[in-house]
Amino acid sequence: MLPNKSFHFKNKECIGVKNGKNRLTVMVAANMDGSQKLPLFIIGHAKNPRCFKNVKSLPVEYTANKRAWMTKEIFEGWLKQLDRSFVAERRKVAFVIDNCPAHGNVSGLEAIHLFFLPPNTTSKTQPMDQGVIQNLKLYYRRRLLQQLLVALDCRREYKVSVLDALHSIHMAWKNVSPTTIENCFRHCGFAATTDQQPQVEDNLTAPEPTCDR
């Protein structure tokens, strides 16, 4: 998500670079009041990219397939892992999921009950599509641009590896506030039985950039 355009003086030679072709699929999940955001589940192209060498732990949950897409097998494995943790915590959880072909019904779940949204209604009824994902991308892209400017000031080339992207998306997810998530759920009709009015927040807070990654 680095910029692909730039201002340039007319009649001056402009040398560009090709954007990287790496793509990531990100699974975003949280409860309706935003008090619990599940760790991001990310799918990449390579299981062990070169940038993962000597890295002992990742800030997110990561897996891979050739197309970096969600599949029924990956989705089922992710849900069953969550289900085991919820069983250990003695919790019952309702998962509201959009009707995607990769989001198939999963049998054998003890703590999780799946509720699938009607087809072709994601843009209206999926809370994460009401601003949560957009907010996440805003923070992610802002962090990349901040680091790009820092790299220019430090006179060094700036490239985004998969590991860099995972750290940036992790920090972006931390910046998405509970109020934003709660308001997006409310916009879809999910609301707790309370008369409290929605709060107003400033979504433009971002960490100060440094020369370090």
C-alpha atoms as a PDB file:
ATOM      1  CA  MET A   1       0.000   0.000   0.000  1.00  0.00           C
ATOM      2  CA  LEU A   2       2.866   2.380  -0.693  1.00  0.00           C
ATOM      3  CA  PRO A   3       2.090   5.357  -2.980  1.00  0.00           C
ATOM      4  CA  ASN A   4       2.193   4.607  -6.702  1.00  0.00           C
ATOM      5  CA  LYS A   5       2.141   8.238  -7.885  1.00  0.00           C
ATOM      6  CA  SER A   6       4.231  11.315  -7.199  1.00  0.00           C
ATOM      7  CA  PHE A   7       4.523  14.980  -8.167  1.00  0.00           C
ATOM      8  CA  HIS A   8       7.382  15.710 -10.564  1.00  0.00           C
ATOM      9  CA  PHE A   9       8.739  18.717 -12.452  1.00  0.00           C
ATOM     10  CA  LYS A  10       7.741  18.876 -16.082  1.00  0.00           C
ATOM     11  CA  ASN A  11      10.393  17.944 -18.665  1.00  0.00           C
ATOM     12  CA  LYS A  12      12.538  16.272 -15.977  1.00  0.00           C
ATOM     13  CA  GLU A  13      13.396  12.592 -16.112  1.00  0.00           C
ATOM     14  CA  CYS A  14      11.440  10.556 -13.570  1.00  0.00           C
ATOM     15  CA  ILE A  15      12.686   7.105 -12.615  1.00  0.00           C
ATOM     16  CA  GLY A  16      10.134   4.925 -10.884  1.00  0.00           C
ATOM     17  CA  VAL A  17      10.199   1.560  -9.157  1.00  0.00           C
ATOM     18  CA  LYS A  18       7.834  -1.374  -9.305  1.00  0.00           C
ATOM     19  CA  ASN A  19       5.580  -2.005  -6.360  1.00  0.00           C
ATOM     20  CA  GLY A  20       5.982  -5.326  -4.593  1.00  0.00           C
ATOM     21  CA  LYS A  21       3.523  -8.047  -5.565  1.00  0.00           C
ATOM     22  CA  ASN A  22       3.212  -9.566  -2.099  1.00  0.00           C
ATOM     23  CA  ARG A  23      -0.369  -9.725  -0.899  1.00  0.00           C
ATOM     24  CA  LEU A  24      -1.796 -10.570   2.507  1.00  0.00           C
ATOM     25  CA  THR A  25      -5.277 -11.625   3.580  1.00  0.00           C
ATOM     26  CA  VAL A  26      -6.216 -10.381   7.055  1.00  0.00           C
ATOM     27  CA  MET A  27      -8.942 -11.876   9.260  1.00  0.00           C
ATOM     28  CA  VAL A  28     -10.382  -9.242  11.612  1.00  0.00           C
ATOM     29  CA  ALA A  29     -12.594 -10.152  14.586  1.00  0.00           C
ATOM     30  CA  ALA A  30     -13.766  -8.397  17.746  1.00  0.00           C
ATOM     31  CA  ASN A  31     -16.707  -8.399  20.142  1.00  0.00           C
ATOM     32  CA  MET A  32     -19.471  -5.834  19.789  1.00  0.00           C
ATOM     33  CA  ASP A  33     -18.277  -3.376  22.455  1.00  0.00           C
ATOM     34  CA  GLY A  34     -14.662  -3.525  21.288  1.00  0.00           C
ATOM     35  CA  SER A  35     -13.375  -4.710  24.666  1.00  0.00           C
ATOM     36  CA  GLN A  36     -11.774  -7.782  23.067  1.00  0.00           C
ATOM     37  CA  LYS A  37     -10.051  -7.719  19.698  1.00  0.00           C
ATOM     38  CA  LEU A  38      -8.859 -11.141  18.601  1.00  0.00           C
ATOM     39  CA  PRO A  39      -5.250 -11.354  17.356  1.00  0.00           C
ATOM     40  CA  LEU A  40      -5.126 -10.718  13.631  1.00  0.00           C
ATOM     41  CA  PHE A  41      -4.996 -13.879  11.538  1.00  0.00           C
ATOM     42  CA  ILE A  42      -2.954 -13.260   8.385  1.00  0.00           C
ATOM     43  CA  ILE A  43      -2.456 -15.383   5.271  1.00  0.00           C
ATOM     44  CA  GLY A  44       0.572 -14.828   3.047  1.00  0.00           C
ATOM     45  CA  HIS A  45       2.113 -16.465  -0.026  1.00  0.00           C
ATOM     46  CA  ALA A  46       5.125 -18.100   1.630  1.00  0.00           C
ATOM     47  CA  LYS A  47       5.117 -20.150   4.802  1.00  0.00           C
ATOM     48  CA  ASN A  48       8.624 -19.062   5.760  1.00  0.00           C
ATOM     49  CA  PRO A  49       9.659 -15.876   3.921  1.00  0.00           C
ATOM     50  CA  ARG A  50      13.323 -14.922   4.076  1.00  0.00           C
ATOM     51  CA  CYS A  51      12.497 -12.020   6.383  1.00  0.00           C
ATOM     52  CA  PHE A  52      11.314 -14.542   9.018  1.00  0.00           C
ATOM     53  CA  LYS A  53      14.838 -15.935   9.390  1.00  0.00           C
ATOM     54  CA  ASN A  54      15.982 -15.872  13.040  1.00  0.00           C
ATOM     55  CA  VAL A  55      12.594 -14.433  14.101  1.00  0.00           C
ATOM     56  CA  LYS A  56      11.396 -16.312  17.189  1.00  0.00           C
ATOM     57  CA  SER A  57       7.849 -14.935  17.348  1.00  0.00           C
ATOM     58  CA  LEU A  58       5.424 -12.910  15.239  1.00  0.00           C
ATOM     59  CA  PRO A  59       3.046 -10.181  16.459  1.00  0.00           C
ATOM     60  CA  VAL A  60       0.113 -11.884  14.692  1.00  0.00           C
ATOM     61  CA  GLU A  61      -1.050 -15.383  13.803  1.00  0.00           C
ATOM     62  CA  TYR A  62       0.297 -16.282  10.379  1.00  0.00           C
ATOM     63  CA  THR A  63      -0.207 -19.031   7.813  1.00  0.00           C
ATOM     64  CA  ALA A  64       0.241 -19.279   4.056  1.00  0.00           C
ATOM     65  CA  ASN A  65      -0.908 -20.753   0.762  1.00  0.00           C
ATOM     66  CA  LYS A  66       0.084 -20.068  -2.853  1.00  0.00           C
ATOM     67  CA  ARG A  67      -2.589 -17.438  -3.428  1.00  0.00           C
ATOM     68  CA  ALA A  68      -2.640 -15.938   0.070  1.00  0.00           C
ATOM     69  CA  TRP A  69      -6.410 -16.528   0.149  1.00  0.00           C
ATOM     70  CA  MET A  70      -8.740 -17.766   2.826  1.00  0.00           C
ATOM     71  CA  THR A  71      -9.803 -21.384   2.313  1.00  0.00           C
ATOM     72  CA  LYS A  72     -12.297 -23.621   4.095  1.00  0.00           C
ATOM     73  CA  GLU A  73      -9.468 -25.645   5.599  1.00  0.00           C
ATOM     74  CA  ILE A  74      -7.675 -22.586   6.983  1.00  0.00           C
ATOM     75  CA  PHE A  75     -10.932 -21.122   8.275  1.00  0.00           C
ATOM     76  CA  GLU A  76     -11.858 -24.369  10.007  1.00  0.00           C
ATOM     77  CA  GLY A  77      -8.436 -24.667  11.630  1.00  0.00           C
ATOM     78  CA  TRP A  78      -8.592 -21.081  12.880  1.00  0.00           C
ATOM     79  CA  LEU A  79     -12.081 -21.564  14.355  1.00  0.00           C
ATOM     80  CA  LYS A  80     -11.234 -24.829  16.077  1.00  0.00           C
ATOM     81  CA  GLN A  81      -8.172 -23.289  17.678  1.00  0.00           C
ATOM     82  CA  LEU A  82     -10.319 -20.433  19.001  1.00  0.00           C
ATOM     83  CA  ASP A  83     -12.981 -22.888  20.119  1.00  0.00           C
ATOM     84  CA  ARG A  84     -10.475 -24.770  22.280  1.00  0.00           C
ATOM     85  CA  SER A  85      -9.387 -21.555  23.979  1.00  0.00           C
ATOM     86  CA  PHE A  86     -13.012 -20.529  24.643  1.00  0.00           C
ATOM     87  CA  VAL A  87     -13.793 -23.965  26.072  1.00  0.00           C
ATOM     88  CA  ALA A  88     -10.842 -23.615  28.451  1.00  0.00           C
ATOM     89  CA  GLU A  89     -12.238 -20.225  29.526  1.00  0.00           C
ATOM     90  CA  ARG A  90     -15.752 -21.704  29.888  1.00  0.00           C
ATOM     91  CA  ARG A  91     -17.218 -19.192  27.460  1.00  0.00           C
ATOM     92  CA  LYS A  92     -20.014 -19.360  24.897  1.00  0.00           C
ATOM     93  CA  VAL A  93     -19.419 -17.167  21.860  1.00  0.00           C
ATOM     94  CA  ALA A  94     -21.662 -16.238  18.917  1.00  0.00           C
ATOM     95  CA  PHE A  95     -19.696 -15.592  15.736  1.00  0.00           C
ATOM     96  CA  VAL A  96     -21.422 -13.400  13.134  1.00  0.00           C
ATOM     97  CA  ILE A  97     -19.792 -14.148   9.780  1.00  0.00           C
ATOM     98  CA  ASP A  98     -20.436 -12.963   6.237  1.00  0.00           C
ATOM     99  CA  ASN A  99     -21.589 -15.484   3.659  1.00  0.00           C
ATOM    100  CA  CYS A 100     -18.256 -16.110   1.919  1.00  0.00           C
ATOM    101  CA  PRO A 101     -17.601 -19.443   0.117  1.00  0.00           C
ATOM    102  CA  ALA A 102     -14.473 -19.932   2.262  1.00  0.00           C
ATOM    103  CA  HIS A 103     -16.499 -19.435   5.456  1.00  0.00           C
ATOM    104  CA  GLY A 104     -18.100 -22.849   5.526  1.00  0.00           C
ATOM    105  CA  ASN A 105     -19.994 -24.372   8.425  1.00  0.00           C
ATOM    106  CA  VAL A 106     -17.658 -26.095  10.877  1.00  0.00           C
ATOM    107  CA  SER A 107     -18.797 -29.118  12.851  1.00  0.00           C
ATOM    108  CA  GLY A 108     -17.572 -30.157  16.256  1.00  0.00           C
ATOM    109  CA  LEU A 109     -17.459 -26.698  17.824  1.00  0.00           C
ATOM    110  CA  GLU A 110     -18.313 -26.632  21.522  1.00  0.00           C
ATOM    111  CA  ALA A 111     -18.026 -22.987  22.571  1.00  0.00           C
ATOM    112  CA  ILE A 112     -18.615 -21.202  19.260  1.00  0.00           C
ATOM    113  CA  HIS A 113     -21.955 -20.924  17.473  1.00  0.00           C
ATOM    114  CA  LEU A 114     -21.822 -19.607  13.902  1.00  0.00           C
ATOM    115  CA  PHE A 115     -24.397 -17.154  12.531  1.00  0.00           C
ATOM    116  CA  PHE A 116     -24.063 -16.515   8.792  1.00  0.00           C
ATOM    117  CA  LEU A 117     -25.298 -13.247   7.315  1.00  0.00           C
ATOM    118  CA  PRO A 118     -27.647 -13.446   4.294  1.00  0.00           C
ATOM    119  CA  PRO A 119     -25.980 -13.444   0.847  1.00  0.00           C
ATOM    120  CA  ASN A 120     -25.164 -10.088  -0.786  1.00  0.00           C
ATOM    121  CA  THR A 121     -25.711  -8.097   2.415  1.00  0.00           C
ATOM    122  CA  THR A 122     -22.128  -7.770   3.653  1.00  0.00           C
ATOM    123  CA  SER A 123     -21.868  -4.048   2.877  1.00  0.00           C
ATOM    124  CA  LYS A 124     -24.907  -3.364   5.093  1.00  0.00           C
ATOM    125  CA  THR A 125     -24.911  -6.017   7.806  1.00  0.00           C
ATOM    126  CA  GLN A 126     -21.244  -6.912   8.430  1.00  0.00           C
ATOM    127  CA  PRO A 127     -19.988  -4.670  11.291  1.00  0.00           C
ATOM    128  CA  MET A 128     -16.346  -4.877  10.213  1.00  0.00           C
ATOM    129  CA  ASP A 129     -17.293  -3.472   6.801  1.00  0.00           C
ATOM    130  CA  GLN A 130     -18.962  -0.433   8.383  1.00  0.00           C
ATOM    131  CA  GLY A 131     -15.633   1.230   9.194  1.00  0.00           C
ATOM    132  CA  VAL A 132     -13.473  -1.120  11.254  1.00  0.00           C
ATOM    133  CA  ILE A 133     -11.497  -2.471   8.288  1.00  0.00           C
ATOM    134  CA  GLN A 134     -11.299   0.996   6.753  1.00  0.00           C
ATOM    135  CA  ASN A 135      -9.983   2.396  10.049  1.00  0.00           C
ATOM    136  CA  LEU A 136      -7.430  -0.416  10.250  1.00  0.00           C
ATOM    137  CA  LYS A 137      -6.182   0.317   6.732  1.00  0.00           C
ATOM    138  CA  LEU A 138      -5.992   4.037   7.546  1.00  0.00           C
ATOM    139  CA  TYR A 139      -3.680   3.443  10.493  1.00  0.00           C
ATOM    140  CA  TYR A 140      -1.645   0.889   8.537  1.00  0.00           C
ATOM    141  CA  ARG A 141      -1.106   3.152   5.548  1.00  0.00           C
ATOM    142  CA  ARG A 142      -0.304   6.127   7.795  1.00  0.00           C
ATOM    143  CA  ARG A 143       2.371   4.109   9.560  1.00  0.00           C
ATOM    144  CA  LEU A 144       3.932   3.119   6.216  1.00  0.00           C
ATOM    145  CA  LEU A 145       3.988   6.725   5.039  1.00  0.00           C
ATOM    146  CA  GLN A 146       5.516   7.883   8.328  1.00  0.00           C
ATOM    147  CA  GLN A 147       8.274   5.309   8.004  1.00  0.00           C
ATOM    148  CA  LEU A 148       8.777   6.256   4.340  1.00  0.00           C
ATOM    149  CA  LEU A 149       9.313   9.907   5.318  1.00  0.00           C
ATOM    150  CA  VAL A 150      11.708   8.879   8.082  1.00  0.00           C
ATOM    151  CA  ALA A 151      13.662   6.763   5.600  1.00  0.00           C
ATOM    152  CA  LEU A 152      13.925   9.731   3.222  1.00  0.00           C
ATOM    153  CA  ASP A 153      15.168  11.957   6.058  1.00  0.00           C
ATOM    154  CA  CYS A 154      17.729   9.281   7.004  1.00  0.00           C
ATOM    155  CA  ARG A 155      18.753   8.957   3.332  1.00  0.00           C
ATOM    156  CA  ARG A 156      18.085   5.242   3.117  1.00  0.00           C
ATOM    157  CA  GLU A 157      15.985   3.093   0.812  1.00  0.00           C
ATOM    158  CA  TYR A 158      12.617   2.038   2.168  1.00  0.00           C
ATOM    159  CA  LYS A 159      11.267  -1.423   1.382  1.00  0.00           C
ATOM    160  CA  VAL A 160       8.368  -3.182   3.088  1.00  0.00           C
ATOM    161  CA  SER A 161       8.962  -6.865   3.797  1.00  0.00           C
ATOM    162  CA  VAL A 162       6.234  -9.254   4.922  1.00  0.00           C
ATOM    163  CA  LEU A 163       7.629  -8.994   8.449  1.00  0.00           C
ATOM    164  CA  ASP A 164       7.468  -5.183   8.302  1.00  0.00           C
ATOM    165  CA  ALA A 165       3.869  -5.417   7.102  1.00  0.00           C
ATOM    166  CA  LEU A 166       2.933  -7.768   9.971  1.00  0.00           C
ATOM    167  CA  HIS A 167       4.374  -5.406  12.563  1.00  0.00           C
ATOM    168  CA  SER A 168       2.655  -2.412  10.964  1.00  0.00           C
ATOM    169  CA  ILE A 169      -0.748  -4.099  10.712  1.00  0.00           C
ATOM    170  CA  HIS A 170      -0.391  -5.261  14.321  1.00  0.00           C
ATOM    171  CA  MET A 171       0.229  -1.682  15.499  1.00  0.00           C
ATOM    172  CA  ALA A 172      -2.635  -0.438  13.326  1.00  0.00           C
ATOM    173  CA  TRP A 173      -5.010  -2.966  14.926  1.00  0.00           C
ATOM    174  CA  LYS A 174      -3.960  -1.766  18.386  1.00  0.00           C
ATOM    175  CA  ASN A 175      -4.889   1.780  17.349  1.00  0.00           C
ATOM    176  CA  VAL A 176      -8.439   0.853  16.302  1.00  0.00           C
ATOM    177  CA  SER A 177     -10.423   1.951  19.343  1.00  0.00           C
ATOM    178  CA  PRO A 178     -13.260   0.104  21.108  1.00  0.00           C
ATOM    179  CA  THR A 179     -15.509   3.082  20.382  1.00  0.00           C
ATOM    180  CA  THR A 180     -14.985   2.705  16.633  1.00  0.00           C
ATOM    181  CA  ILE A 181     -15.853  -1.001  16.807  1.00  0.00           C
ATOM    182  CA  GLU A 182     -18.906  -0.410  18.997  1.00  0.00           C
ATOM    183  CA  ASN A 183     -20.212   2.314  16.666  1.00  0.00           C
ATOM    184  CA  CYS A 184     -19.796   0.041  13.621  1.00  0.00           C
ATOM    185  CA  PHE A 185     -21.726  -2.755  15.332  1.00  0.00           C
ATOM    186  CA  ARG A 186     -24.437  -0.278  16.324  1.00  0.00           C
ATOM    187  CA  HIS A 187     -24.671   0.949  12.725  1.00  0.00           C
ATOM    188  CA  CYS A 188     -25.582  -2.624  11.709  1.00  0.00           C
ATOM    189  CA  GLY A 189     -28.212  -2.916  14.436  1.00  0.00           C
ATOM    190  CA  PHE A 190     -26.107  -4.664  17.087  1.00  0.00           C
ATOM    191  CA  ALA A 191     -26.530  -2.811  20.358  1.00  0.00           C
ATOM    192  CA  ALA A 192     -26.474  -3.647  24.052  1.00  0.00           C
ATOM    193  CA  THR A 193     -29.609  -3.055  26.143  1.00  0.00           C
ATOM    194  CA  THR A 194     -28.549   0.360  27.388  1.00  0.00           C
ATOM    195  CA  ASP A 195     -29.603   3.960  26.937  1.00  0.00           C
ATOM    196  CA  GLN A 196     -26.070   5.259  26.751  1.00  0.00           C
ATOM    197  CA  GLN A 197     -25.315   7.522  23.811  1.00  0.00           C
ATOM    198  CA  PRO A 198     -22.449   6.649  21.432  1.00  0.00           C
ATOM    199  CA  GLN A 199     -19.200   8.415  22.181  1.00  0.00           C
ATOM    200  CA  VAL A 200     -17.321  10.603  19.724  1.00  0.00           C
ATOM    201  CA  GLU A 201     -13.658  10.006  19.141  1.00  0.00           C
ATOM    202  CA  ASP A 202     -10.771  11.344  17.124  1.00  0.00           C
ATOM    203  CA  ASN A 203      -9.470   8.604  14.836  1.00  0.00           C
ATOM    204  CA  LEU A 204      -6.404  10.534  13.776  1.00  0.00           C
ATOM    205  CA  THR A 205      -4.033   9.653  16.636  1.00  0.00           C
ATOM    206  CA  ALA A 206      -0.859   7.903  15.503  1.00  0.00           C
ATOM    207  CA  PRO A 207       2.485   7.056  17.114  1.00  0.00           C
ATOM    208  CA  GLU A 208       5.457   9.348  16.528  1.00  0.00           C
ATOM    209  CA  PRO A 209       7.821   8.044  13.802  1.00  0.00           C
ATOM    210  CA  THR A 210      11.461   7.188  14.465  1.00  0.00           C
ATOM    211  CA  CYS A 211      14.387   6.119  12.304  1.00  0.00           C
ATOM    212  CA  ASP A 212      14.024   2.588  13.661  1.00  0.00           C
ATOM    213  CA  ARG A 213      11.554   0.169  12.105  1.00  0.00           C
END
